[in-house]
N, C-alpha and C. Protein backbone atom coordinates (compact mmCIF):
# COMPACT_ATOMS: atom_id res chain seq x y z
N UNK A 1 39.60 137.95 85.21
CA UNK A 1 39.86 137.47 83.65
C UNK A 1 41.41 138.38 82.73
N UNK A 2 42.39 138.15 82.91
CA UNK A 2 43.69 138.78 82.75
C UNK A 2 43.70 139.50 81.38
N UNK A 3 44.75 140.41 81.00
CA UNK A 3 44.53 141.60 79.77
C UNK A 3 45.33 140.49 78.58
N UNK A 4 46.06 139.39 78.60
CA UNK A 4 46.43 138.63 78.39
C UNK A 4 45.50 137.52 77.33
N UNK A 5 44.69 137.62 78.72
CA UNK A 5 43.35 136.25 78.27
C UNK A 5 42.56 137.00 77.17
N UNK A 6 42.06 137.97 77.55
CA UNK A 6 41.43 139.60 76.26
C UNK A 6 42.16 138.48 74.96
N UNK A 7 43.27 139.71 74.91
CA UNK A 7 43.78 139.61 73.50
C UNK A 7 43.96 138.67 73.30
N UNK A 8 44.30 136.95 73.59
CA UNK A 8 44.20 136.00 73.55
C UNK A 8 43.11 135.19 72.77
N UNK A 9 41.90 136.03 73.13
CA UNK A 9 40.77 135.60 72.47
C UNK A 9 40.17 136.48 71.21
N UNK A 10 40.67 137.10 71.53
CA UNK A 10 40.67 138.72 70.79
C UNK A 10 40.80 138.39 69.96
N UNK A 11 42.23 138.01 69.67
CA UNK A 11 42.70 137.28 68.40
C UNK A 11 42.75 136.16 67.61
N UNK A 12 42.07 135.70 68.87
CA UNK A 12 40.91 133.59 68.65
C UNK A 12 39.88 133.52 67.09
N UNK A 13 39.38 134.81 67.86
CA UNK A 13 37.61 135.42 67.60
C UNK A 13 38.05 135.96 65.82
N UNK A 14 39.31 135.96 65.66
CA UNK A 14 39.65 137.36 64.41
C UNK A 14 39.89 136.26 63.25
N UNK A 15 41.35 135.51 63.69
CA UNK A 15 41.57 134.25 64.13
C UNK A 15 39.96 133.06 62.81
N UNK A 16 39.21 133.33 63.41
CA UNK A 16 38.06 132.28 62.75
C UNK A 16 37.45 132.91 62.04
N UNK A 17 37.16 134.29 62.15
CA UNK A 17 36.88 135.24 60.84
C UNK A 17 37.69 134.86 59.55
N UNK A 18 38.84 135.06 59.97
CA UNK A 18 39.29 135.66 58.55
C UNK A 18 39.81 134.17 57.42
N UNK A 19 40.21 132.94 58.67
CA UNK A 19 40.10 131.58 58.89
C UNK A 19 39.48 130.65 57.91
N UNK A 20 38.93 131.07 58.47
CA UNK A 20 37.58 129.80 59.03
C UNK A 20 36.07 130.56 57.97
N UNK A 21 35.44 131.12 57.99
CA UNK A 21 34.88 131.83 57.67
C UNK A 21 34.29 132.97 55.77
N UNK A 22 35.99 133.77 55.85
CA UNK A 22 35.82 133.93 54.57
C UNK A 22 35.92 132.85 53.27
N UNK A 23 36.73 131.46 54.09
CA UNK A 23 36.70 130.40 52.75
C UNK A 23 35.68 130.21 52.04
N UNK A 24 34.75 129.90 53.47
CA UNK A 24 33.08 129.85 53.41
C UNK A 24 32.63 130.55 52.65
N UNK A 25 32.69 131.93 52.98
CA UNK A 25 32.06 132.19 51.89
C UNK A 25 32.74 133.17 50.29
N UNK A 26 33.66 132.24 50.65
CA UNK A 26 34.13 132.89 48.96
C UNK A 26 33.78 131.03 48.09
N UNK A 27 33.42 130.05 49.40
CA UNK A 27 33.45 129.03 48.47
C UNK A 27 31.77 128.54 48.66
N UNK A 28 31.02 129.28 48.71
CA UNK A 28 29.85 128.35 48.70
C UNK A 28 28.38 130.42 48.13
N UNK A 29 29.83 131.44 47.93
CA UNK A 29 28.40 132.74 48.08
C UNK A 29 28.79 133.53 46.64
N UNK A 30 30.62 132.98 46.67
CA UNK A 30 30.61 133.49 45.22
C UNK A 30 30.64 133.14 44.03
N UNK A 31 30.45 133.62 42.66
CA UNK A 31 30.34 132.70 41.78
C UNK A 31 31.14 132.41 40.96
N UNK A 32 31.52 130.84 40.38
CA UNK A 32 32.34 130.89 40.20
C UNK A 32 33.51 131.32 39.00
N UNK A 33 32.59 132.85 38.07
CA UNK A 33 33.73 132.99 37.92
C UNK A 33 35.12 134.37 38.84
N UNK A 34 34.09 135.06 39.77
CA UNK A 34 34.44 135.56 40.68
C UNK A 34 35.40 134.85 41.85
N UNK A 35 34.62 133.34 41.71
CA UNK A 35 35.42 132.28 43.21
C UNK A 35 36.94 132.45 42.85
N UNK A 36 37.32 132.56 41.96
CA UNK A 36 38.69 132.55 41.35
C UNK A 36 39.59 133.44 41.61
N UNK A 37 38.90 134.56 41.34
CA UNK A 37 39.98 136.15 42.01
C UNK A 37 39.64 135.99 42.96
N UNK A 38 38.47 135.13 43.94
CA UNK A 38 38.96 136.10 45.83
C UNK A 38 39.96 134.49 46.34
N UNK A 39 39.84 133.67 45.36
CA UNK A 39 40.51 133.19 45.91
C UNK A 39 42.55 133.18 45.70
N UNK A 40 42.38 133.40 45.14
CA UNK A 40 42.83 134.35 44.56
C UNK A 40 43.93 135.19 46.05
N UNK A 41 43.06 136.76 45.46
CA UNK A 41 42.92 137.63 46.76
C UNK A 41 43.27 136.28 48.55
N UNK A 42 42.43 135.71 48.36
CA UNK A 42 42.54 136.09 49.72
C UNK A 42 43.75 134.97 49.80
N UNK A 43 44.07 133.63 48.75
CA UNK A 43 45.55 133.22 49.27
C UNK A 43 46.78 133.81 49.23
N UNK A 44 46.65 134.93 48.01
CA UNK A 44 47.62 135.19 48.01
C UNK A 44 48.06 137.03 49.01
N UNK A 45 47.34 137.50 49.68
CA UNK A 45 46.55 138.62 49.84
C UNK A 45 46.31 138.95 51.73
N UNK A 46 44.64 138.62 51.21
CA UNK A 46 45.08 138.40 52.94
C UNK A 46 45.25 137.36 54.27
N UNK A 47 45.20 136.41 53.67
CA UNK A 47 45.69 135.54 54.63
C UNK A 47 47.33 136.44 55.04
N UNK A 48 48.09 135.90 53.69
CA UNK A 48 49.66 136.87 54.39
C UNK A 48 50.07 138.19 55.52
N UNK A 49 49.38 139.28 54.80
CA UNK A 49 48.52 140.07 55.59
C UNK A 49 48.63 139.98 56.27
N UNK A 50 47.18 138.80 57.60
CA UNK A 50 47.15 138.80 58.23
C UNK A 50 47.97 138.10 59.78
N UNK A 51 49.09 136.80 58.45
CA UNK A 51 49.56 136.10 59.64
C UNK A 51 51.13 137.26 59.41
N UNK A 52 51.53 138.31 59.02
CA UNK A 52 52.24 139.03 59.16
C UNK A 52 51.48 140.37 60.80
N UNK A 53 50.17 140.83 60.21
CA UNK A 53 49.36 140.62 61.76
C UNK A 53 49.44 140.82 63.17
N UNK A 54 49.06 139.49 62.85
CA UNK A 54 48.36 138.47 64.30
C UNK A 54 50.28 137.95 64.30
N UNK A 55 51.67 137.26 63.34
CA UNK A 55 52.69 137.93 64.08
C UNK A 55 53.01 138.00 65.79
N UNK A 56 52.80 139.68 64.37
CA UNK A 56 53.49 141.09 65.34
C UNK A 56 52.33 141.24 66.90
N UNK A 57 51.59 140.98 66.66
CA UNK A 57 51.23 141.06 67.72
C UNK A 57 50.87 139.76 68.55
N UNK A 58 52.01 138.37 68.48
CA UNK A 58 52.10 137.93 69.14
C UNK A 58 53.64 138.14 69.84
N UNK A 59 54.75 139.08 68.45
CA UNK A 59 55.72 139.42 68.92
C UNK A 59 55.66 140.57 70.51
N UNK A 60 54.30 141.25 70.62
CA UNK A 60 54.83 141.60 71.46
C UNK A 60 54.81 140.17 72.67
N UNK A 61 54.83 139.83 73.57
CA UNK A 61 54.93 139.04 74.57
C UNK A 61 54.43 137.64 73.89
N UNK A 62 55.53 136.80 73.02
CA UNK A 62 55.39 135.62 72.99
C UNK A 62 55.73 134.96 73.94
N UNK A 63 56.03 134.92 75.29
CA UNK A 63 55.97 133.63 76.90
C UNK A 63 53.78 133.40 76.43
N UNK A 64 53.57 134.70 75.73
CA UNK A 64 52.11 134.27 76.56
C UNK A 64 51.57 133.92 75.11
N UNK A 65 52.20 134.23 73.91
CA UNK A 65 50.91 134.19 72.44
C UNK A 65 51.81 134.02 71.82
N UNK A 66 52.30 133.03 71.71
CA UNK A 66 52.98 132.43 70.33
C UNK A 66 52.76 131.51 69.77
N UNK A 67 51.34 130.57 70.31
CA UNK A 67 50.30 130.21 69.86
C UNK A 67 49.73 130.62 68.87
N UNK A 68 49.29 132.12 69.05
CA UNK A 68 48.53 132.35 68.08
C UNK A 68 49.26 132.12 66.06
N UNK A 69 50.14 132.52 65.94
CA UNK A 69 50.51 132.35 64.31
C UNK A 69 50.34 130.58 63.41
N UNK A 70 50.87 129.70 64.89
CA UNK A 70 50.57 128.08 64.78
C UNK A 70 48.79 128.14 64.22
N UNK A 71 47.53 128.72 65.29
CA UNK A 71 46.72 128.44 65.88
C UNK A 71 46.07 129.14 64.43
N UNK A 72 46.76 130.18 63.28
CA UNK A 72 45.82 131.20 62.88
C UNK A 72 46.36 129.71 61.06
N UNK A 73 47.47 129.12 60.85
CA UNK A 73 47.68 128.66 60.54
C UNK A 73 46.65 127.21 59.96
N UNK A 74 46.51 126.59 61.30
CA UNK A 74 45.82 125.86 61.88
C UNK A 74 44.04 125.86 61.63
N UNK A 75 43.31 126.68 61.91
CA UNK A 75 42.71 127.85 61.16
C UNK A 75 42.56 126.91 59.06
N UNK A 76 43.61 128.34 59.33
CA UNK A 76 43.36 128.13 57.73
C UNK A 76 43.18 126.56 56.82
N UNK A 77 43.82 125.80 57.18
CA UNK A 77 43.47 124.53 56.31
C UNK A 77 42.77 123.83 56.92
N UNK A 78 41.97 123.92 58.83
CA UNK A 78 40.35 123.19 58.30
C UNK A 78 39.88 124.36 57.90
N UNK A 79 39.49 125.58 57.53
CA UNK A 79 38.74 125.82 56.48
C UNK A 79 38.74 125.48 55.24
N UNK A 80 39.69 125.46 54.26
CA UNK A 80 39.79 125.05 53.53
C UNK A 80 39.46 124.05 53.01
N UNK A 81 39.50 123.08 54.13
CA UNK A 81 39.46 121.13 53.93
C UNK A 81 37.95 121.04 54.03
N UNK A 82 37.39 122.32 55.03
CA UNK A 82 36.34 121.85 55.75
C UNK A 82 35.28 122.37 53.40
N UNK A 83 35.97 124.08 53.55
CA UNK A 83 34.89 124.85 52.52
C UNK A 83 34.67 124.09 51.10
N UNK A 84 36.28 123.78 50.18
CA UNK A 84 36.48 123.33 49.88
C UNK A 84 36.55 122.71 48.93
N UNK A 85 36.49 121.21 50.29
CA UNK A 85 35.88 119.92 50.43
C UNK A 85 36.83 119.21 49.25
N UNK A 86 38.38 119.07 49.52
CA UNK A 86 39.15 118.90 48.87
C UNK A 86 40.83 118.93 49.66
N UNK A 87 41.44 117.19 49.40
CA UNK A 87 42.70 117.60 51.37
C UNK A 87 43.21 117.47 49.42
N UNK A 88 43.19 118.38 49.44
CA UNK A 88 44.26 119.37 48.76
C UNK A 88 45.50 119.21 49.40
N UNK A 89 46.85 118.74 49.01
CA UNK A 89 47.85 118.51 49.49
C UNK A 89 48.93 120.29 49.21
N UNK A 90 48.64 121.12 48.89
CA UNK A 90 48.77 122.64 47.74
C UNK A 90 49.19 123.13 49.61
N UNK A 91 47.43 122.71 50.20
CA UNK A 91 47.29 124.14 51.54
C UNK A 91 47.42 123.53 52.23
N UNK A 92 48.41 122.38 51.76
CA UNK A 92 49.92 122.27 53.92
C UNK A 92 50.68 123.08 53.28
N UNK A 93 51.34 123.01 52.10
CA UNK A 93 52.79 124.48 51.60
C UNK A 93 51.37 126.14 51.97
N UNK A 94 50.48 126.29 51.71
CA UNK A 94 49.99 126.79 52.65
C UNK A 94 50.20 127.73 53.83
N UNK A 95 49.56 126.40 54.08
CA UNK A 95 49.43 126.46 56.02
C UNK A 95 50.77 126.32 56.56
N UNK A 96 51.71 125.97 55.97
CA UNK A 96 53.36 126.05 56.72
C UNK A 96 54.16 127.32 56.41
N UNK A 97 54.33 128.97 55.12
CA UNK A 97 54.68 129.31 54.95
C UNK A 97 53.10 130.97 55.85
N UNK A 98 51.72 130.53 55.37
CA UNK A 98 51.52 131.17 56.20
C UNK A 98 52.42 130.94 57.86
N UNK A 99 52.17 130.12 58.39
CA UNK A 99 52.73 128.87 59.57
C UNK A 99 54.06 130.27 59.87
N UNK A 100 54.64 130.03 58.35
CA UNK A 100 56.83 131.24 59.12
C UNK A 100 56.97 132.33 58.56
N UNK A 101 56.22 133.17 57.93
CA UNK A 101 55.46 134.14 57.84
C UNK A 101 55.06 135.07 59.22
N UNK A 102 54.61 134.18 60.20
CA UNK A 102 53.57 134.99 61.27
C UNK A 102 55.01 134.27 62.51
N UNK A 103 55.20 133.76 62.29
CA UNK A 103 56.17 132.72 63.02
C UNK A 103 57.94 134.05 63.00
N UNK A 104 58.18 134.92 61.27
CA UNK A 104 59.32 135.63 61.47
C UNK A 104 58.27 137.16 61.64
N UNK A 105 57.33 137.24 61.91
CA UNK A 105 56.35 138.55 61.59
C UNK A 105 57.40 138.58 63.20
N UNK A 106 56.16 137.19 63.72
CA UNK A 106 56.47 137.80 65.36
C UNK A 106 58.19 137.54 65.68
N UNK A 107 59.21 136.82 64.96
CA UNK A 107 60.59 137.01 66.25
C UNK A 107 61.09 138.34 65.61
N UNK A 108 60.67 139.02 64.70
CA UNK A 108 60.40 140.52 64.27
C UNK A 108 59.86 141.35 65.11
N UNK A 109 59.88 140.78 65.31
CA UNK A 109 59.03 142.09 65.81
C UNK A 109 59.22 141.84 67.43
N UNK A 110 59.32 140.74 68.15
CA UNK A 110 60.34 141.00 69.13
C UNK A 110 61.92 141.00 69.54
N UNK A 111 62.37 140.57 68.50
CA UNK A 111 63.28 141.05 68.58
C UNK A 111 64.04 142.62 68.47
N UNK A 112 63.13 142.95 67.95
CA UNK A 112 62.72 145.00 67.88
C UNK A 112 62.12 145.53 69.35
N UNK A 113 61.99 144.63 69.96
CA UNK A 113 61.46 145.82 70.60
C UNK A 113 62.47 145.18 72.20
N UNK A 114 62.78 144.60 71.83
CA UNK A 114 63.09 144.29 72.79
C UNK A 114 64.67 144.76 73.20
N UNK A 115 65.24 144.73 71.73
CA UNK A 115 66.45 145.62 71.22
C UNK A 115 65.67 146.75 71.87
N UNK A 116 65.25 147.31 71.74
CA UNK A 116 64.40 148.70 71.78
C UNK A 116 64.17 149.15 72.87
N UNK A 117 64.04 148.34 73.91
CA UNK A 117 63.67 148.19 75.65
C UNK A 117 64.46 148.47 75.78
N UNK A 118 66.09 147.12 75.47
CA UNK A 118 67.32 147.33 76.28
C UNK A 118 67.81 148.46 76.59
N UNK A 119 68.04 149.06 75.19
CA UNK A 119 68.49 150.14 74.25
C UNK A 119 68.37 151.39 75.28
N UNK A 120 66.65 151.38 76.16
CA UNK A 120 66.35 153.05 76.96
C UNK A 120 67.08 152.39 78.01
């Protein structure tokens, strides 16, 4: 197993935890009063930060890791639709924003690294 496969598997595992397990924990294990605060924290802080992180990881080797931001957004959509038992269309908007954040982060890191490596 080469290095890129290990990186991809590692980040896919982390993506499953962040985008699939955390919505389950919020939906099933948190009381109704704290549930809204946890959802806001999850949707507005943790998931965007994770999208930036996964995009920056993918930006280091775009040719092989470009699918990580896409899979992250898809896992978010699967997680919220399964565990919140509603196919709310606004979740599509959230997934689109997370995808855009990940892709912009990937492009920024890729451009930064290519520019920095080209000047050396």
